[in-house]
Amino acid sequence: MFKMQQLLNRGPPHLILSLMMLGFITLTAGSYLRPGTVRLKCCESVSRKNFSFDIKRYRIQHEMKPCVKAIILYTKEKGPLCTHPKARWVPKKIKKLLSAARLPQSLIEFLH
């Protein structure tokens, strides 16, 4: 508070210069704290088309614009594929994947 009063007593040129320096320091320091770009890794569209690729794992994606509700199936051959959650074949693929993982049947039924 005492330094601010000293700045005000010196007159407007010192105040303006000090405020400009403070603004410059704030802007340049702030640019190092923010990420440059954030890339979304989500499904923006889905397919109902069945495929014959081997599935390694899956993930449920909830809708949050621009991402849509989807089941992401990670395949060995093609990588992640965005599938429609209500496609009839999707639960069968997931059940087959969980069965191959040798999980107890009660856990497989619980997950569906």
N, C-alpha and C. Protein backbone atom coordinates (compact mmCIF):
# COMPACT_ATOMS: atom_id res chain seq x y z
N MET A 1 0.82 -1.18 0.00
CA MET A 1 0.00 0.00 0.00
C MET A 1 0.87 1.25 0.00
N PHE A 2 1.95 1.24 0.77
CA PHE A 2 2.84 2.39 0.87
C PHE A 2 3.48 2.69 -0.48
N LYS A 3 3.88 1.68 -1.25
CA LYS A 3 4.52 1.90 -2.54
C LYS A 3 3.52 2.47 -3.55
N MET A 4 2.27 2.05 -3.46
CA MET A 4 1.25 2.57 -4.35
C MET A 4 1.05 4.06 -4.11
N GLN A 5 1.07 4.50 -2.85
CA GLN A 5 0.92 5.93 -2.56
C GLN A 5 2.11 6.71 -3.09
N GLN A 6 3.30 6.12 -2.99
CA GLN A 6 4.47 6.80 -3.53
C GLN A 6 4.35 6.96 -5.05
N LEU A 7 3.84 5.94 -5.73
CA LEU A 7 3.67 6.02 -7.17
C LEU A 7 2.65 7.10 -7.54
N LEU A 8 1.56 7.16 -6.78
CA LEU A 8 0.54 8.17 -7.05
C LEU A 8 1.08 9.58 -6.81
N ASN A 9 1.93 9.76 -5.80
CA ASN A 9 2.49 11.07 -5.49
C ASN A 9 3.48 11.54 -6.55
N ARG A 10 4.11 10.64 -7.27
CA ARG A 10 5.10 11.02 -8.27
C ARG A 10 4.46 11.59 -9.53
N GLY A 11 3.20 11.29 -9.74
CA GLY A 11 2.53 11.86 -10.90
C GLY A 11 2.14 10.79 -11.90
N PRO A 12 1.32 11.18 -12.85
CA PRO A 12 0.78 10.24 -13.83
C PRO A 12 1.81 9.54 -14.70
N PRO A 13 2.90 10.16 -15.16
CA PRO A 13 3.81 9.41 -16.03
C PRO A 13 4.38 8.17 -15.36
N HIS A 14 4.73 8.26 -14.08
CA HIS A 14 5.27 7.10 -13.37
C HIS A 14 4.20 6.03 -13.18
N LEU A 15 2.99 6.46 -12.89
CA LEU A 15 1.88 5.52 -12.69
C LEU A 15 1.58 4.77 -13.98
N ILE A 16 1.51 5.48 -15.08
CA ILE A 16 1.20 4.86 -16.36
C ILE A 16 2.30 3.88 -16.75
N LEU A 17 3.54 4.30 -16.61
CA LEU A 17 4.66 3.41 -16.93
C LEU A 17 4.66 2.17 -16.05
N SER A 18 4.40 2.35 -14.77
CA SER A 18 4.36 1.21 -13.84
C SER A 18 3.24 0.25 -14.19
N LEU A 19 2.07 0.78 -14.52
CA LEU A 19 0.93 -0.07 -14.89
C LEU A 19 1.21 -0.81 -16.20
N MET A 20 1.86 -0.14 -17.14
CA MET A 20 2.19 -0.80 -18.40
C MET A 20 3.18 -1.93 -18.16
N MET A 21 4.17 -1.70 -17.31
CA MET A 21 5.14 -2.75 -17.01
C MET A 21 4.48 -3.93 -16.30
N LEU A 22 3.59 -3.62 -15.37
CA LEU A 22 2.87 -4.67 -14.65
C LEU A 22 2.03 -5.50 -15.62
N GLY A 23 1.33 -4.83 -16.53
CA GLY A 23 0.52 -5.54 -17.53
C GLY A 23 1.37 -6.41 -18.43
N PHE A 24 2.51 -5.90 -18.88
CA PHE A 24 3.40 -6.67 -19.74
C PHE A 24 3.92 -7.91 -19.03
N ILE A 25 4.35 -7.74 -17.79
CA ILE A 25 4.86 -8.89 -17.02
C ILE A 25 3.77 -9.92 -16.81
N THR A 26 2.56 -9.48 -16.51
CA THR A 26 1.44 -10.39 -16.29
C THR A 26 1.13 -11.17 -17.57
N LEU A 27 1.09 -10.48 -18.69
CA LEU A 27 0.77 -11.15 -19.96
C LEU A 27 1.84 -12.15 -20.37
N THR A 28 3.10 -11.78 -20.24
CA THR A 28 4.16 -12.70 -20.66
C THR A 28 4.30 -13.87 -19.71
N ALA A 29 4.09 -13.64 -18.43
CA ALA A 29 4.18 -14.75 -17.47
C ALA A 29 3.01 -15.70 -17.64
N GLY A 30 1.84 -15.17 -17.96
CA GLY A 30 0.65 -16.01 -18.13
C GLY A 30 0.73 -16.92 -19.32
N SER A 31 1.45 -16.54 -20.37
CA SER A 31 1.49 -17.37 -21.57
C SER A 31 2.26 -18.67 -21.33
N TYR A 32 3.12 -18.72 -20.37
CA TYR A 32 3.85 -19.94 -20.07
C TYR A 32 3.02 -20.91 -19.24
N LEU A 33 1.97 -20.43 -18.63
CA LEU A 33 1.17 -21.27 -17.75
C LEU A 33 0.05 -22.00 -18.50
N ARG A 34 -0.32 -21.52 -19.66
CA ARG A 34 -1.43 -22.11 -20.39
C ARG A 34 -0.92 -23.09 -21.44
N PRO A 35 -1.68 -24.16 -21.70
CA PRO A 35 -1.28 -25.08 -22.77
C PRO A 35 -1.47 -24.43 -24.12
N GLY A 36 -0.67 -24.83 -25.07
CA GLY A 36 -0.79 -24.26 -26.41
C GLY A 36 -2.09 -24.66 -27.08
N THR A 37 -2.30 -25.95 -27.24
CA THR A 37 -3.54 -26.44 -27.84
C THR A 37 -3.98 -27.69 -27.10
N VAL A 38 -5.27 -27.89 -27.08
CA VAL A 38 -5.83 -29.09 -26.47
C VAL A 38 -6.57 -29.82 -27.58
N ARG A 39 -6.18 -31.02 -27.83
CA ARG A 39 -6.81 -31.81 -28.87
C ARG A 39 -7.79 -32.80 -28.22
N LEU A 40 -8.96 -32.88 -28.82
CA LEU A 40 -9.96 -33.82 -28.34
C LEU A 40 -9.72 -35.18 -28.98
N LYS A 41 -9.76 -36.21 -28.17
CA LYS A 41 -9.67 -37.57 -28.69
C LYS A 41 -10.99 -38.24 -28.35
N CYS A 42 -11.96 -38.00 -29.20
CA CYS A 42 -13.29 -38.56 -28.95
C CYS A 42 -13.98 -38.81 -30.28
N CYS A 43 -15.08 -39.53 -30.19
CA CYS A 43 -15.88 -39.81 -31.38
C CYS A 43 -16.85 -38.66 -31.61
N GLU A 44 -16.81 -38.11 -32.81
CA GLU A 44 -17.77 -37.07 -33.18
C GLU A 44 -18.86 -37.65 -34.07
N SER A 45 -18.69 -38.90 -34.48
CA SER A 45 -19.71 -39.63 -35.23
C SER A 45 -19.51 -41.12 -34.95
N VAL A 46 -20.56 -41.90 -35.19
CA VAL A 46 -20.50 -43.34 -34.90
C VAL A 46 -21.00 -44.13 -36.10
N SER A 47 -20.70 -45.42 -36.08
CA SER A 47 -21.15 -46.32 -37.14
C SER A 47 -21.91 -47.49 -36.52
N ARG A 48 -22.93 -47.95 -37.23
CA ARG A 48 -23.67 -49.15 -36.81
C ARG A 48 -23.15 -50.39 -37.54
N LYS A 49 -22.22 -50.19 -38.46
CA LYS A 49 -21.71 -51.28 -39.30
C LYS A 49 -20.87 -52.27 -38.48
N ASN A 50 -21.17 -53.54 -38.62
CA ASN A 50 -20.44 -54.60 -37.93
C ASN A 50 -19.10 -54.83 -38.63
N PHE A 51 -18.14 -55.31 -37.89
CA PHE A 51 -16.82 -55.61 -38.46
C PHE A 51 -16.28 -56.88 -37.82
N SER A 52 -15.21 -57.42 -38.42
CA SER A 52 -14.67 -58.70 -37.95
C SER A 52 -13.29 -58.57 -37.32
N PHE A 53 -12.88 -57.38 -36.92
CA PHE A 53 -11.57 -57.18 -36.31
C PHE A 53 -11.57 -57.68 -34.87
N ASP A 54 -10.38 -58.09 -34.40
CA ASP A 54 -10.23 -58.52 -33.01
C ASP A 54 -10.21 -57.29 -32.10
N ILE A 55 -10.95 -57.38 -31.00
CA ILE A 55 -11.03 -56.26 -30.06
C ILE A 55 -10.09 -56.51 -28.89
N LYS A 56 -9.27 -55.50 -28.57
CA LYS A 56 -8.36 -55.58 -27.43
C LYS A 56 -9.04 -55.08 -26.16
N ARG A 57 -9.80 -53.99 -26.29
CA ARG A 57 -10.49 -53.41 -25.14
C ARG A 57 -11.57 -52.48 -25.66
N TYR A 58 -12.37 -51.93 -24.73
CA TYR A 58 -13.41 -51.00 -25.13
C TYR A 58 -13.55 -49.91 -24.07
N ARG A 59 -14.22 -48.84 -24.47
CA ARG A 59 -14.47 -47.74 -23.55
C ARG A 59 -15.81 -47.10 -23.90
N ILE A 60 -16.56 -46.72 -22.88
CA ILE A 60 -17.82 -46.04 -23.09
C ILE A 60 -17.54 -44.54 -23.08
N GLN A 61 -18.01 -43.86 -24.13
CA GLN A 61 -17.84 -42.41 -24.21
C GLN A 61 -19.20 -41.76 -24.03
N HIS A 62 -19.28 -40.82 -23.09
CA HIS A 62 -20.51 -40.09 -22.85
C HIS A 62 -20.58 -38.87 -23.76
N GLU A 63 -21.79 -38.41 -24.00
CA GLU A 63 -21.98 -37.27 -24.89
C GLU A 63 -21.59 -35.96 -24.20
N MET A 64 -20.73 -35.22 -24.84
CA MET A 64 -20.34 -33.89 -24.41
C MET A 64 -19.79 -33.20 -25.64
N LYS A 65 -20.56 -32.28 -26.18
CA LYS A 65 -20.25 -31.65 -27.47
C LYS A 65 -18.79 -31.24 -27.56
N PRO A 66 -18.10 -31.52 -28.64
CA PRO A 66 -18.58 -32.08 -29.90
C PRO A 66 -18.62 -33.61 -29.91
N CYS A 67 -18.28 -34.25 -28.80
CA CYS A 67 -18.26 -35.71 -28.74
C CYS A 67 -19.69 -36.26 -28.62
N VAL A 68 -19.92 -37.40 -29.23
CA VAL A 68 -21.23 -38.04 -29.18
C VAL A 68 -21.16 -39.29 -28.30
N LYS A 69 -22.32 -39.77 -27.88
CA LYS A 69 -22.37 -41.01 -27.09
C LYS A 69 -21.93 -42.16 -27.99
N ALA A 70 -20.98 -42.95 -27.49
CA ALA A 70 -20.42 -44.01 -28.32
C ALA A 70 -19.78 -45.09 -27.47
N ILE A 71 -19.59 -46.24 -28.08
CA ILE A 71 -18.75 -47.30 -27.52
C ILE A 71 -17.51 -47.33 -28.41
N ILE A 72 -16.36 -47.07 -27.83
CA ILE A 72 -15.12 -47.09 -28.60
C ILE A 72 -14.49 -48.46 -28.44
N LEU A 73 -14.38 -49.16 -29.56
CA LEU A 73 -13.77 -50.49 -29.57
C LEU A 73 -12.36 -50.35 -30.12
N TYR A 74 -11.39 -50.77 -29.34
CA TYR A 74 -9.99 -50.69 -29.74
C TYR A 74 -9.60 -52.01 -30.39
N THR A 75 -9.26 -51.96 -31.66
CA THR A 75 -8.94 -53.17 -32.41
C THR A 75 -7.44 -53.28 -32.65
N LYS A 76 -7.01 -54.50 -32.89
CA LYS A 76 -5.59 -54.73 -33.18
C LYS A 76 -5.24 -54.21 -34.58
N GLU A 77 -6.16 -54.38 -35.53
CA GLU A 77 -5.87 -54.05 -36.92
C GLU A 77 -6.09 -52.56 -37.25
N LYS A 78 -7.15 -51.97 -36.77
CA LYS A 78 -7.53 -50.62 -37.19
C LYS A 78 -7.44 -49.56 -36.10
N GLY A 79 -7.12 -49.94 -34.88
CA GLY A 79 -7.09 -48.96 -33.80
C GLY A 79 -8.50 -48.71 -33.27
N PRO A 80 -8.78 -47.52 -32.73
CA PRO A 80 -10.11 -47.26 -32.16
C PRO A 80 -11.18 -47.06 -33.23
N LEU A 81 -12.33 -47.69 -33.00
CA LEU A 81 -13.48 -47.54 -33.89
C LEU A 81 -14.67 -47.05 -33.07
N CYS A 82 -15.37 -46.06 -33.57
CA CYS A 82 -16.51 -45.48 -32.87
C CYS A 82 -17.78 -46.19 -33.31
N THR A 83 -18.43 -46.84 -32.37
CA THR A 83 -19.63 -47.60 -32.70
C THR A 83 -20.83 -47.04 -31.95
N HIS A 84 -21.99 -47.25 -32.56
CA HIS A 84 -23.25 -46.78 -31.96
C HIS A 84 -23.58 -47.66 -30.76
N PRO A 85 -23.87 -47.06 -29.60
CA PRO A 85 -24.13 -47.87 -28.40
C PRO A 85 -25.35 -48.79 -28.52
N LYS A 86 -26.28 -48.45 -29.42
CA LYS A 86 -27.49 -49.27 -29.54
C LYS A 86 -27.44 -50.24 -30.71
N ALA A 87 -26.32 -50.35 -31.37
CA ALA A 87 -26.17 -51.34 -32.43
C ALA A 87 -26.24 -52.74 -31.79
N ARG A 88 -27.02 -53.64 -32.37
CA ARG A 88 -27.27 -54.96 -31.75
C ARG A 88 -26.01 -55.79 -31.57
N TRP A 89 -25.05 -55.64 -32.43
CA TRP A 89 -23.86 -56.48 -32.39
C TRP A 89 -22.83 -56.02 -31.36
N VAL A 90 -22.90 -54.78 -30.90
CA VAL A 90 -21.89 -54.24 -29.98
C VAL A 90 -21.86 -54.98 -28.64
N PRO A 91 -23.00 -55.20 -27.96
CA PRO A 91 -22.94 -55.93 -26.69
C PRO A 91 -22.39 -57.36 -26.84
N LYS A 92 -22.66 -57.98 -27.98
CA LYS A 92 -22.15 -59.33 -28.23
C LYS A 92 -20.62 -59.32 -28.32
N LYS A 93 -20.07 -58.32 -29.01
CA LYS A 93 -18.61 -58.20 -29.11
C LYS A 93 -17.98 -57.97 -27.74
N ILE A 94 -18.61 -57.12 -26.94
CA ILE A 94 -18.08 -56.82 -25.61
C ILE A 94 -18.15 -58.05 -24.72
N LYS A 95 -19.26 -58.77 -24.80
CA LYS A 95 -19.41 -59.99 -23.99
C LYS A 95 -18.37 -61.03 -24.39
N LYS A 96 -18.11 -61.15 -25.69
CA LYS A 96 -17.08 -62.08 -26.18
C LYS A 96 -15.70 -61.68 -25.65
N LEU A 97 -15.43 -60.38 -25.66
CA LEU A 97 -14.15 -59.87 -25.15
C LEU A 97 -14.00 -60.18 -23.67
N LEU A 98 -15.05 -59.94 -22.89
CA LEU A 98 -14.99 -60.20 -21.45
C LEU A 98 -14.89 -61.69 -21.15
N SER A 99 -15.56 -62.52 -21.95
CA SER A 99 -15.47 -63.97 -21.76
C SER A 99 -14.06 -64.47 -22.05
N ALA A 100 -13.43 -63.89 -23.07
CA ALA A 100 -12.07 -64.28 -23.42
C ALA A 100 -11.09 -63.87 -22.33
N ALA A 101 -11.45 -62.87 -21.55
CA ALA A 101 -10.59 -62.43 -20.45
C ALA A 101 -10.73 -63.33 -19.23
N ARG A 102 -11.60 -64.34 -19.34
CA ARG A 102 -11.83 -65.32 -18.28
C ARG A 102 -12.31 -64.68 -16.97
N LEU A 103 -13.22 -63.72 -17.13
CA LEU A 103 -13.85 -63.12 -15.95
C LEU A 103 -14.99 -64.02 -15.50
N PRO A 104 -15.32 -64.01 -14.22
CA PRO A 104 -16.47 -64.79 -13.76
C PRO A 104 -17.76 -64.34 -14.44
N GLN A 105 -18.63 -65.28 -14.76
CA GLN A 105 -19.88 -64.98 -15.46
C GLN A 105 -20.69 -63.94 -14.70
N SER A 106 -20.70 -63.99 -13.38
CA SER A 106 -21.48 -63.01 -12.59
C SER A 106 -20.96 -61.58 -12.83
N LEU A 107 -19.66 -61.42 -13.00
CA LEU A 107 -19.08 -60.10 -13.25
C LEU A 107 -19.43 -59.64 -14.67
N ILE A 108 -19.40 -60.56 -15.63
CA ILE A 108 -19.77 -60.21 -17.00
C ILE A 108 -21.22 -59.74 -17.07
N GLU A 109 -22.11 -60.43 -16.37
CA GLU A 109 -23.52 -60.03 -16.35
C GLU A 109 -23.69 -58.71 -15.63
N PHE A 110 -22.91 -58.45 -14.60
CA PHE A 110 -22.98 -57.20 -13.85
C PHE A 110 -22.56 -56.02 -14.73
N LEU A 111 -21.55 -56.23 -15.57
CA LEU A 111 -21.04 -55.16 -16.42
C LEU A 111 -22.00 -54.80 -17.54
N HIS A 112 -22.95 -55.64 -17.82
CA HIS A 112 -23.93 -55.33 -18.87
C HIS A 112 -25.17 -54.90 -18.24
